[in-house]
Protein backbone atom coordinates (compact mmCIF):
# COMPACT_ATOMS: atom_id res chain seq x y z
CA UNK A 1 0.00 0.00 0.00
CA UNK A 2 2.95 2.27 -0.62
CA UNK A 3 1.75 5.77 -1.52
CA UNK A 4 -1.81 5.02 -0.38
CA UNK A 5 -3.85 7.93 0.98
CA UNK A 6 -6.47 6.93 3.55
CA UNK A 7 -9.78 8.77 3.14
CA UNK A 8 -11.94 6.71 5.51
CA UNK A 9 -11.22 5.63 9.07
CA UNK A 10 -13.44 3.78 11.50
CA UNK A 11 -13.58 2.29 14.96
CA UNK A 12 -15.95 0.13 16.97
CA UNK A 13 -15.48 2.49 19.93
CA UNK A 14 -17.27 5.73 20.81
CA UNK A 15 -14.24 7.70 19.69
CA UNK A 16 -10.61 7.22 18.76
CA UNK A 17 -9.59 9.85 21.28
CA UNK A 18 -8.84 9.09 24.92
CA UNK A 19 -11.88 9.10 27.23
CA UNK A 20 -12.88 12.71 27.82
CA UNK A 21 -12.55 12.39 31.61
CA UNK A 22 -8.86 11.52 31.07
CA UNK A 23 -8.43 14.40 28.60
CA UNK A 24 -9.96 16.89 31.06
CA UNK A 25 -7.64 15.65 33.80
CA UNK A 26 -4.58 16.05 31.54
CA UNK A 27 -5.76 19.49 30.39
CA UNK A 28 -6.19 20.65 34.00
CA UNK A 29 -2.66 19.41 34.79
CA UNK A 30 -0.95 20.93 31.75
CA UNK A 31 -3.21 23.71 30.43
CA UNK A 32 -2.53 22.29 26.95
CA UNK A 33 -5.75 22.78 24.96
CA UNK A 34 -4.31 20.82 22.01
CA UNK A 35 -5.11 17.64 23.97
CA UNK A 36 -8.86 18.21 23.50
CA UNK A 37 -10.27 16.11 20.62
CA UNK A 38 -6.70 15.42 19.50
CA UNK A 39 -7.59 12.60 17.10
CA UNK A 40 -10.02 14.69 15.11
CA UNK A 41 -7.33 17.20 14.22
CA UNK A 42 -5.81 14.71 11.75
CA UNK A 43 -8.25 16.00 9.12
CA UNK A 44 -6.50 19.34 9.07
CA UNK A 45 -3.70 17.83 6.99
CA UNK A 46 -5.57 15.26 4.89
CA UNK A 47 -9.35 15.45 4.54
CA UNK A 48 -11.05 12.18 5.49
CA UNK A 49 -14.31 10.68 6.76
CA UNK A 50 -14.42 9.02 10.17
CA UNK A 51 -16.94 6.44 11.39
CA UNK A 52 -17.50 5.48 15.01
CA UNK A 53 -19.48 2.81 16.86
CA UNK A 54 -19.19 0.31 14.00
CA UNK A 55 -20.31 -3.26 14.68
CA UNK A 56 -19.24 -6.73 13.51
CA UNK A 57 -15.79 -5.59 12.40
CA UNK A 58 -14.42 -8.95 13.54
CA UNK A 59 -16.47 -10.64 10.80
CA UNK A 60 -14.59 -8.78 8.04
CA UNK A 61 -11.58 -10.20 6.22
CA UNK A 62 -8.29 -8.29 6.53
CA UNK A 63 -8.59 -7.14 2.90
CA UNK A 64 -10.57 -7.70 -0.29
CA UNK A 65 -13.69 -5.69 0.45
CA UNK A 66 -15.19 -2.28 -0.21
CA UNK A 67 -17.09 -0.07 2.20
CA UNK A 68 -20.15 1.85 1.13
CA UNK A 69 -21.79 4.37 3.45
CA UNK A 70 -25.32 5.69 3.33
CA UNK A 71 -25.34 8.83 5.51
CA UNK A 72 -28.33 10.52 7.08
CA UNK A 73 -28.21 14.30 6.75
CA UNK A 74 -29.18 16.05 9.99
CA UNK A 75 -30.33 19.62 9.46
CA UNK A 76 -28.12 22.14 11.26
CA UNK A 77 -25.67 19.47 12.48
CA UNK A 78 -21.99 18.98 11.69
CA UNK A 79 -22.27 15.21 12.05
CA UNK A 80 -24.86 12.50 11.65
CA UNK A 81 -25.13 8.75 11.41
CA UNK A 82 -24.61 6.37 8.54
CA UNK A 83 -25.40 2.84 7.51
CA UNK A 84 -21.96 1.39 6.70
CA UNK A 85 -22.00 -1.72 4.52
CA UNK A 86 -19.09 -4.00 3.63
CA UNK A 87 -19.16 -5.38 0.10
CA UNK A 88 -17.13 -8.59 0.05
CA UNK A 89 -15.25 -10.04 -2.92
CA UNK A 90 -16.63 -13.57 -3.27
PDB file of N, CA and C in Angstrom:
ATOM      1  N   UNK A   1       0.823  -1.193   0.000  1.00  0.00           N
ATOM      2  CA  UNK A   1       0.000   0.000   0.000  1.00  0.00           C
ATOM      3  C   UNK A   1       0.864   1.252   0.000  1.00  0.00           C
ATOM      4  N   UNK A   2       2.036   1.142  -0.552  1.00  0.00           N
ATOM      5  CA  UNK A   2       2.947   2.270  -0.621  1.00  0.00           C
ATOM      6  C   UNK A   2       2.292   3.412  -1.404  1.00  0.00           C
ATOM      7  N   UNK A   3       2.327   4.615  -0.862  1.00  0.00           N
ATOM      8  CA  UNK A   3       1.749   5.770  -1.524  1.00  0.00           C
ATOM      9  C   UNK A   3       0.247   5.893  -1.361  1.00  0.00           C
ATOM     10  N   UNK A   4      -0.359   5.012  -0.579  1.00  0.00           N
ATOM     11  CA  UNK A   4      -1.812   5.021  -0.380  1.00  0.00           C
ATOM     12  C   UNK A   4      -2.221   6.200   0.508  1.00  0.00           C
ATOM     13  N   UNK A   5      -3.306   6.861   0.155  1.00  0.00           N
ATOM     14  CA  UNK A   5      -3.854   7.932   0.980  1.00  0.00           C
ATOM     15  C   UNK A   5      -5.172   7.436   1.571  1.00  0.00           C
ATOM     16  N   UNK A   6      -5.265   7.418   2.875  1.00  0.00           N
ATOM     17  CA  UNK A   6      -6.469   6.934   3.546  1.00  0.00           C
ATOM     18  C   UNK A   6      -7.490   8.063   3.608  1.00  0.00           C
ATOM     19  N   UNK A   7      -8.699   7.779   3.148  1.00  0.00           N
ATOM     20  CA  UNK A   7      -9.780   8.772   3.141  1.00  0.00           C
ATOM     21  C   UNK A   7     -10.941   8.378   4.044  1.00  0.00           C
ATOM     22  N   UNK A   8     -10.888   7.178   4.625  1.00  0.00           N
ATOM     23  CA  UNK A   8     -11.943   6.706   5.507  1.00  0.00           C
ATOM     24  C   UNK A   8     -11.307   5.973   6.670  1.00  0.00           C
ATOM     25  N   UNK A   9     -11.673   6.337   7.878  1.00  0.00           N
ATOM     26  CA  UNK A   9     -11.224   5.632   9.070  1.00  0.00           C
ATOM     27  C   UNK A   9     -12.453   5.221   9.860  1.00  0.00           C
ATOM     28  N   UNK A  10     -12.306   4.222  10.700  1.00  0.00           N
ATOM     29  CA  UNK A  10     -13.437   3.782  11.497  1.00  0.00           C
ATOM     30  C   UNK A  10     -12.989   3.032  12.732  1.00  0.00           C
ATOM     31  N   UNK A  11     -13.854   2.989  13.719  1.00  0.00           N
ATOM     32  CA  UNK A  11     -13.581   2.292  14.963  1.00  0.00           C
ATOM     33  C   UNK A  11     -14.886   1.728  15.521  1.00  0.00           C
ATOM     34  N   UNK A  12     -14.778   0.675  16.317  1.00  0.00           N
ATOM     35  CA  UNK A  12     -15.954   0.132  16.972  1.00  0.00           C
ATOM     36  C   UNK A  12     -16.199   0.812  18.322  1.00  0.00           C
ATOM     37  N   UNK A  13     -15.360   1.764  18.663  1.00  0.00           N
ATOM     38  CA  UNK A  13     -15.480   2.490  19.931  1.00  0.00           C
ATOM     39  C   UNK A  13     -16.302   3.778  19.755  1.00  0.00           C
ATOM     40  N   UNK A  14     -16.539   4.470  20.855  1.00  0.00           N
ATOM     41  CA  UNK A  14     -17.271   5.735  20.815  1.00  0.00           C
ATOM     42  C   UNK A  14     -16.444   6.830  20.165  1.00  0.00           C
ATOM     43  N   UNK A  15     -15.141   6.685  20.235  1.00  0.00           N
ATOM     44  CA  UNK A  15     -14.237   7.697  19.691  1.00  0.00           C
ATOM     45  C   UNK A  15     -12.870   7.070  19.546  1.00  0.00           C
ATOM     46  N   UNK A  16     -11.986   7.695  18.790  1.00  0.00           N
ATOM     47  CA  UNK A  16     -10.611   7.216  18.764  1.00  0.00           C
ATOM     48  C   UNK A  16      -9.721   8.089  19.626  1.00  0.00           C
ATOM     49  N   UNK A  17     -10.312   9.056  20.289  1.00  0.00           N
ATOM     50  CA  UNK A  17      -9.594   9.848  21.284  1.00  0.00           C
ATOM     51  C   UNK A  17      -9.631   9.139  22.638  1.00  0.00           C
ATOM     52  N   UNK A  18      -8.795   9.595  23.544  1.00  0.00           N
ATOM     53  CA  UNK A  18      -8.835   9.092  24.918  1.00  0.00           C
ATOM     54  C   UNK A  18     -10.185   9.459  25.540  1.00  0.00           C
ATOM     55  N   UNK A  19     -10.638   8.715  26.542  1.00  0.00           N
ATOM     56  CA  UNK A  19     -11.878   9.096  27.229  1.00  0.00           C
ATOM     57  C   UNK A  19     -11.806  10.551  27.691  1.00  0.00           C
ATOM     58  N   UNK A  20     -12.908  11.279  27.549  1.00  0.00           N
ATOM     59  CA  UNK A  20     -12.880  12.712  27.822  1.00  0.00           C
ATOM     60  C   UNK A  20     -12.523  13.021  29.270  1.00  0.00           C
ATOM     61  N   UNK A  21     -12.914  12.150  30.204  1.00  0.00           N
ATOM     62  CA  UNK A  21     -12.554  12.392  31.608  1.00  0.00           C
ATOM     63  C   UNK A  21     -11.032  12.409  31.776  1.00  0.00           C
ATOM     64  N   UNK A  22     -10.327  11.548  31.050  1.00  0.00           N
ATOM     65  CA  UNK A  22      -8.863  11.524  31.069  1.00  0.00           C
ATOM     66  C   UNK A  22      -8.303  12.784  30.426  1.00  0.00           C
ATOM     67  N   UNK A  23      -8.890  13.195  29.298  1.00  0.00           N
ATOM     68  CA  UNK A  23      -8.431  14.397  28.599  1.00  0.00           C
ATOM     69  C   UNK A  23      -8.588  15.635  29.482  1.00  0.00           C
ATOM     70  N   UNK A  24      -9.720  15.750  30.160  1.00  0.00           N
ATOM     71  CA  UNK A  24      -9.958  16.886  31.058  1.00  0.00           C
ATOM     72  C   UNK A  24      -8.909  16.905  32.170  1.00  0.00           C
ATOM     73  N   UNK A  25      -8.639  15.732  32.723  1.00  0.00           N
ATOM     74  CA  UNK A  25      -7.639  15.646  33.797  1.00  0.00           C
ATOM     75  C   UNK A  25      -6.268  16.108  33.290  1.00  0.00           C
ATOM     76  N   UNK A  26      -5.859  15.644  32.114  1.00  0.00           N
ATOM     77  CA  UNK A  26      -4.578  16.051  31.536  1.00  0.00           C
ATOM     78  C   UNK A  26      -4.559  17.542  31.205  1.00  0.00           C
ATOM     79  N   UNK A  27      -5.675  18.060  30.703  1.00  0.00           N
ATOM     80  CA  UNK A  27      -5.762  19.491  30.393  1.00  0.00           C
ATOM     81  C   UNK A  27      -5.611  20.322  31.669  1.00  0.00           C
ATOM     82  N   UNK A  28      -6.289  19.910  32.738  1.00  0.00           N
ATOM     83  CA  UNK A  28      -6.190  20.649  34.002  1.00  0.00           C
ATOM     84  C   UNK A  28      -4.767  20.624  34.555  1.00  0.00           C
ATOM     85  N   UNK A  29      -4.048  19.517  34.332  1.00  0.00           N
ATOM     86  CA  UNK A  29      -2.657  19.411  34.791  1.00  0.00           C
ATOM     87  C   UNK A  29      -1.711  20.274  33.968  1.00  0.00           C
ATOM     88  N   UNK A  30      -1.929  20.311  32.646  1.00  0.00           N
ATOM     89  CA  UNK A  30      -0.952  20.935  31.749  1.00  0.00           C
ATOM     90  C   UNK A  30      -1.392  22.275  31.171  1.00  0.00           C
ATOM     91  N   UNK A  31      -2.713  22.511  31.087  1.00  0.00           N
ATOM     92  CA  UNK A  31      -3.211  23.715  30.429  1.00  0.00           C
ATOM     93  C   UNK A  31      -3.085  23.650  28.915  1.00  0.00           C
ATOM     94  N   UNK A  32      -2.747  22.480  28.380  1.00  0.00           N
ATOM     95  CA  UNK A  32      -2.533  22.291  26.947  1.00  0.00           C
ATOM     96  C   UNK A  32      -3.848  21.962  26.254  1.00  0.00           C
ATOM     97  N   UNK A  33      -4.447  22.955  25.621  1.00  0.00           N
ATOM     98  CA  UNK A  33      -5.746  22.775  24.963  1.00  0.00           C
ATOM     99  C   UNK A  33      -5.653  21.897  23.712  1.00  0.00           C
ATOM    100  N   UNK A  34      -4.453  21.671  23.192  1.00  0.00           N
ATOM    101  CA  UNK A  34      -4.309  20.821  22.006  1.00  0.00           C
ATOM    102  C   UNK A  34      -4.658  19.364  22.306  1.00  0.00           C
ATOM    103  N   UNK A  35      -4.747  18.997  23.582  1.00  0.00           N
ATOM    104  CA  UNK A  35      -5.112  17.639  23.966  1.00  0.00           C
ATOM    105  C   UNK A  35      -6.595  17.342  23.739  1.00  0.00           C
ATOM    106  N   UNK A  36      -7.409  18.389  23.635  1.00  0.00           N
ATOM    107  CA  UNK A  36      -8.858  18.208  23.501  1.00  0.00           C
ATOM    108  C   UNK A  36      -9.184  17.809  22.069  1.00  0.00           C
ATOM    109  N   UNK A  37      -9.866  16.667  21.919  1.00  0.00           N
ATOM    110  CA  UNK A  37     -10.269  16.111  20.617  1.00  0.00           C
ATOM    111  C   UNK A  37      -9.074  15.980  19.677  1.00  0.00           C
ATOM    112  N   UNK A  38      -7.969  15.529  20.221  1.00  0.00           N
ATOM    113  CA  UNK A  38      -6.705  15.424  19.496  1.00  0.00           C
ATOM    114  C   UNK A  38      -6.806  14.590  18.214  1.00  0.00           C
ATOM    115  N   UNK A  39      -7.492  13.467  18.263  1.00  0.00           N
ATOM    116  CA  UNK A  39      -7.587  12.598  17.097  1.00  0.00           C
ATOM    117  C   UNK A  39      -8.288  13.237  15.917  1.00  0.00           C
ATOM    118  N   UNK A  40      -9.246  14.083  16.183  1.00  0.00           N
ATOM    119  CA  UNK A  40     -10.022  14.695  15.108  1.00  0.00           C
ATOM    120  C   UNK A  40      -9.235  15.743  14.330  1.00  0.00           C
ATOM    121  N   UNK A  41      -8.142  16.177  14.886  1.00  0.00           N
ATOM    122  CA  UNK A  41      -7.330  17.198  14.216  1.00  0.00           C
ATOM    123  C   UNK A  41      -6.545  16.642  13.038  1.00  0.00           C
ATOM    124  N   UNK A  42      -6.532  15.328  12.875  1.00  0.00           N
ATOM    125  CA  UNK A  42      -5.812  14.708  11.750  1.00  0.00           C
ATOM    126  C   UNK A  42      -6.367  15.205  10.417  1.00  0.00           C
ATOM    127  N   UNK A  43      -7.632  15.533  10.354  1.00  0.00           N
ATOM    128  CA  UNK A  43      -8.253  15.998   9.120  1.00  0.00           C
ATOM    129  C   UNK A  43      -7.796  17.372   8.671  1.00  0.00           C
ATOM    130  N   UNK A  44      -7.029  18.039   9.477  1.00  0.00           N
ATOM    131  CA  UNK A  44      -6.497  19.343   9.069  1.00  0.00           C
ATOM    132  C   UNK A  44      -5.462  19.193   7.961  1.00  0.00           C
ATOM    133  N   UNK A  45      -4.756  18.064   7.975  1.00  0.00           N
ATOM    134  CA  UNK A  45      -3.698  17.832   6.993  1.00  0.00           C
ATOM    135  C   UNK A  45      -4.200  17.077   5.766  1.00  0.00           C
ATOM    136  N   UNK A  46      -5.003  16.056   5.977  1.00  0.00           N
ATOM    137  CA  UNK A  46      -5.569  15.264   4.886  1.00  0.00           C
ATOM    138  C   UNK A  46      -7.053  15.061   5.189  1.00  0.00           C
ATOM    139  N   UNK A  47      -7.905  15.576   4.330  1.00  0.00           N
ATOM    140  CA  UNK A  47      -9.351  15.452   4.536  1.00  0.00           C
ATOM    141  C   UNK A  47      -9.751  13.976   4.491  1.00  0.00           C
ATOM    142  N   UNK A  48     -10.602  13.562   5.423  1.00  0.00           N
ATOM    143  CA  UNK A  48     -11.047  12.176   5.494  1.00  0.00           C
ATOM    144  C   UNK A  48     -12.421  12.108   6.154  1.00  0.00           C
ATOM    145  N   UNK A  49     -13.055  10.958   6.060  1.00  0.00           N
ATOM    146  CA  UNK A  49     -14.307  10.682   6.756  1.00  0.00           C
ATOM    147  C   UNK A  49     -13.990   9.712   7.886  1.00  0.00           C
ATOM    148  N   UNK A  50     -14.661   9.870   9.007  1.00  0.00           N
ATOM    149  CA  UNK A  50     -14.416   9.023  10.169  1.00  0.00           C
ATOM    150  C   UNK A  50     -15.728   8.453  10.669  1.00  0.00           C
ATOM    151  N   UNK A  51     -15.757   7.134  10.890  1.00  0.00           N
ATOM    152  CA  UNK A  51     -16.943   6.442  11.386  1.00  0.00           C
ATOM    153  C   UNK A  51     -16.664   5.889  12.767  1.00  0.00           C
ATOM    154  N   UNK A  52     -17.630   5.995  13.652  1.00  0.00           N
ATOM    155  CA  UNK A  52     -17.501   5.478  15.013  1.00  0.00           C
ATOM    156  C   UNK A  52     -18.662   4.561  15.336  1.00  0.00           C
ATOM    157  N   UNK A  53     -18.468   3.751  16.368  1.00  0.00           N
ATOM    158  CA  UNK A  53     -19.478   2.814  16.862  1.00  0.00           C
ATOM    159  C   UNK A  53     -19.888   1.799  15.798  1.00  0.00           C
ATOM    160  N   UNK A  54     -18.919   1.354  14.993  1.00  0.00           N
ATOM    161  CA  UNK A  54     -19.185   0.313  13.997  1.00  0.00           C
ATOM    162  C   UNK A  54     -19.334  -1.035  14.697  1.00  0.00           C
ATOM    163  N   UNK A  55     -20.076  -1.937  14.088  1.00  0.00           N
ATOM    164  CA  UNK A  55     -20.313  -3.258  14.680  1.00  0.00           C
ATOM    165  C   UNK A  55     -19.889  -4.357  13.719  1.00  0.00           C
ATOM    166  N   UNK A  56     -19.581  -5.517  14.266  1.00  0.00           N
ATOM    167  CA  UNK A  56     -19.243  -6.729  13.514  1.00  0.00           C
ATOM    168  C   UNK A  56     -17.957  -6.594  12.703  1.00  0.00           C
ATOM    169  N   UNK A  57     -17.052  -5.733  13.115  1.00  0.00           N
ATOM    170  CA  UNK A  57     -15.785  -5.593  12.395  1.00  0.00           C
ATOM    171  C   UNK A  57     -14.988  -6.891  12.398  1.00  0.00           C
ATOM    172  N   UNK A  58     -15.151  -7.683  13.451  1.00  0.00           N
ATOM    173  CA  UNK A  58     -14.416  -8.946  13.543  1.00  0.00           C
ATOM    174  C   UNK A  58     -14.840  -9.943  12.462  1.00  0.00           C
ATOM    175  N   UNK A  59     -15.989  -9.738  11.848  1.00  0.00           N
ATOM    176  CA  UNK A  59     -16.471 -10.637  10.796  1.00  0.00           C
ATOM    177  C   UNK A  59     -15.861 -10.312   9.427  1.00  0.00           C
ATOM    178  N   UNK A  60     -15.158  -9.179   9.321  1.00  0.00           N
ATOM    179  CA  UNK A  60     -14.586  -8.777   8.040  1.00  0.00           C
ATOM    180  C   UNK A  60     -13.235  -9.437   7.798  1.00  0.00           C
ATOM    181  N   UNK A  61     -12.923  -9.718   6.536  1.00  0.00           N
ATOM    182  CA  UNK A  61     -11.575 -10.199   6.224  1.00  0.00           C
ATOM    183  C   UNK A  61     -10.579  -9.045   6.369  1.00  0.00           C
ATOM    184  N   UNK A  62      -9.306  -9.346   6.374  1.00  0.00           N
ATOM    185  CA  UNK A  62      -8.290  -8.294   6.529  1.00  0.00           C
ATOM    186  C   UNK A  62      -8.181  -7.421   5.291  1.00  0.00           C
ATOM    187  N   UNK A  63      -8.581  -7.938   4.127  1.00  0.00           N
ATOM    188  CA  UNK A  63      -8.592  -7.137   2.904  1.00  0.00           C
ATOM    189  C   UNK A  63      -9.570  -7.771   1.905  1.00  0.00           C
ATOM    190  N   UNK A  64      -9.708  -7.141   0.741  1.00  0.00           N
ATOM    191  CA  UNK A  64     -10.566  -7.700  -0.293  1.00  0.00           C
ATOM    192  C   UNK A  64     -12.023  -7.318  -0.182  1.00  0.00           C
ATOM    193  N   UNK A  65     -12.309  -6.153   0.390  1.00  0.00           N
ATOM    194  CA  UNK A  65     -13.689  -5.694   0.451  1.00  0.00           C
ATOM    195  C   UNK A  65     -13.756  -4.182   0.277  1.00  0.00           C
ATOM    196  N   UNK A  66     -14.923  -3.713  -0.095  1.00  0.00           N
ATOM    197  CA  UNK A  66     -15.189  -2.275  -0.213  1.00  0.00           C
ATOM    198  C   UNK A  66     -16.139  -1.876   0.900  1.00  0.00           C
ATOM    199  N   UNK A  67     -16.140  -0.606   1.223  1.00  0.00           N
ATOM    200  CA  UNK A  67     -17.088  -0.073   2.201  1.00  0.00           C
ATOM    201  C   UNK A  67     -17.937   0.967   1.505  1.00  0.00           C
ATOM    202  N   UNK A  68     -19.230   0.849   1.661  1.00  0.00           N
ATOM    203  CA  UNK A  68     -20.152   1.849   1.132  1.00  0.00           C
ATOM    204  C   UNK A  68     -20.943   2.414   2.301  1.00  0.00           C
ATOM    205  N   UNK A  69     -21.098   3.727   2.337  1.00  0.00           N
ATOM    206  CA  UNK A  69     -21.789   4.375   3.451  1.00  0.00           C
ATOM    207  C   UNK A  69     -22.999   5.137   2.942  1.00  0.00           C
ATOM    208  N   UNK A  70     -24.072   5.012   3.665  1.00  0.00           N
ATOM    209  CA  UNK A  70     -25.315   5.688   3.331  1.00  0.00           C
ATOM    210  C   UNK A  70     -25.650   6.637   4.482  1.00  0.00           C
ATOM    211  N   UNK A  71     -25.181   7.893   4.391  1.00  0.00           N
ATOM    212  CA  UNK A  71     -25.341   8.829   5.508  1.00  0.00           C
ATOM    213  C   UNK A  71     -26.737   9.422   5.598  1.00  0.00           C
ATOM    214  N   UNK A  72     -27.087   9.801   6.812  1.00  0.00           N
ATOM    215  CA  UNK A  72     -28.332  10.518   7.083  1.00  0.00           C
ATOM    216  C   UNK A  72     -27.962  11.966   7.363  1.00  0.00           C
ATOM    217  N   UNK A  73     -28.481  12.876   6.577  1.00  0.00           N
ATOM    218  CA  UNK A  73     -28.209  14.303   6.752  1.00  0.00           C
ATOM    219  C   UNK A  73     -29.080  14.813   7.901  1.00  0.00           C
ATOM    220  N   UNK A  74     -28.465  15.482   8.854  1.00  0.00           N
ATOM    221  CA  UNK A  74     -29.181  16.047   9.993  1.00  0.00           C
ATOM    222  C   UNK A  74     -29.126  17.560   9.861  1.00  0.00           C
ATOM    223  N   UNK A  75     -30.269  18.175   9.679  1.00  0.00           N
ATOM    224  CA  UNK A  75     -30.332  19.619   9.457  1.00  0.00           C
ATOM    225  C   UNK A  75     -29.691  20.375  10.620  1.00  0.00           C
ATOM    226  N   UNK A  76     -28.768  21.284  10.273  1.00  0.00           N
ATOM    227  CA  UNK A  76     -28.125  22.141  11.265  1.00  0.00           C
ATOM    228  C   UNK A  76     -27.028  21.457  12.067  1.00  0.00           C
ATOM    229  N   UNK A  77     -26.691  20.206  11.722  1.00  0.00           N
ATOM    230  CA  UNK A  77     -25.669  19.474  12.484  1.00  0.00           C
ATOM    231  C   UNK A  77     -24.382  19.340  11.670  1.00  0.00           C
ATOM    232  N   UNK A  78     -23.268  19.191  12.375  1.00  0.00           N
ATOM    233  CA  UNK A  78     -21.992  18.985  11.690  1.00  0.00           C
ATOM    234  C   UNK A  78     -21.689  17.502  11.510  1.00  0.00           C
ATOM    235  N   UNK A  79     -22.443  16.648  12.189  1.00  0.00           N
ATOM    236  CA  UNK A  79     -22.272  15.206  12.052  1.00  0.00           C
ATOM    237  C   UNK A  79     -23.634  14.531  12.007  1.00  0.00           C
ATOM    238  N   UNK A  80     -23.628  13.285  11.671  1.00  0.00           N
ATOM    239  CA  UNK A  80     -24.862  12.497  11.647  1.00  0.00           C
ATOM    240  C   UNK A  80     -24.497  11.033  11.696  1.00  0.00           C
ATOM    241  N   UNK A  81     -25.424  10.170  11.398  1.00  0.00           N
ATOM    242  CA  UNK A  81     -25.131   8.746  11.407  1.00  0.00           C
ATOM    243  C   UNK A  81     -25.170   8.207   9.987  1.00  0.00           C
ATOM    244  N   UNK A  82     -24.645   7.005   9.846  1.00  0.00           N
ATOM    245  CA  UNK A  82     -24.605   6.371   8.536  1.00  0.00           C
ATOM    246  C   UNK A  82     -24.850   4.880   8.666  1.00  0.00           C
ATOM    247  N   UNK A  83     -25.337   4.310   7.607  1.00  0.00           N
ATOM    248  CA  UNK A  83     -25.397   2.842   7.505  1.00  0.00           C
ATOM    249  C   UNK A  83     -24.158   2.457   6.703  1.00  0.00           C
ATOM    250  N   UNK A  84     -23.200   1.819   7.359  1.00  0.00           N
ATOM    251  CA  UNK A  84     -21.964   1.387   6.704  1.00  0.00           C
ATOM    252  C   UNK A  84     -22.128  -0.071   6.301  1.00  0.00           C
ATOM    253  N   UNK A  85     -21.816  -0.382   5.049  1.00  0.00           N
ATOM    254  CA  UNK A  85     -22.002  -1.720   4.518  1.00  0.00           C
ATOM    255  C   UNK A  85     -20.694  -2.204   3.898  1.00  0.00           C
ATOM    256  N   UNK A  86     -20.266  -3.394   4.251  1.00  0.00           N
ATOM    257  CA  UNK A  86     -19.089  -4.004   3.634  1.00  0.00           C
ATOM    258  C   UNK A  86     -19.547  -4.825   2.439  1.00  0.00           C
ATOM    259  N   UNK A  87     -18.881  -4.631   1.317  1.00  0.00           N
ATOM    260  CA  UNK A  87     -19.162  -5.378   0.095  1.00  0.00           C
ATOM    261  C   UNK A  87     -17.974  -6.313  -0.121  1.00  0.00           C
ATOM    262  N   UNK A  88     -18.202  -7.603   0.081  1.00  0.00           N
ATOM    263  CA  UNK A  88     -17.129  -8.588   0.047  1.00  0.00           C
ATOM    264  C   UNK A  88     -16.881  -9.101  -1.363  1.00  0.00           C
ATOM    265  N   UNK A  89     -15.612  -9.338  -1.679  1.00  0.00           N
ATOM    266  CA  UNK A  89     -15.249 -10.037  -2.915  1.00  0.00           C
ATOM    267  C   UNK A  89     -15.485 -11.516  -2.688  1.00  0.00           C
ATOM    268  N   UNK A  90     -16.332 -12.130  -3.442  1.00  0.00           N
ATOM    269  CA  UNK A  90     -16.629 -13.570  -3.266  1.00  0.00           C
ATOM    270  C   UNK A  90     -16.104 -14.361  -4.414  1.00  0.00           C
TER     271      UNK A  90
END
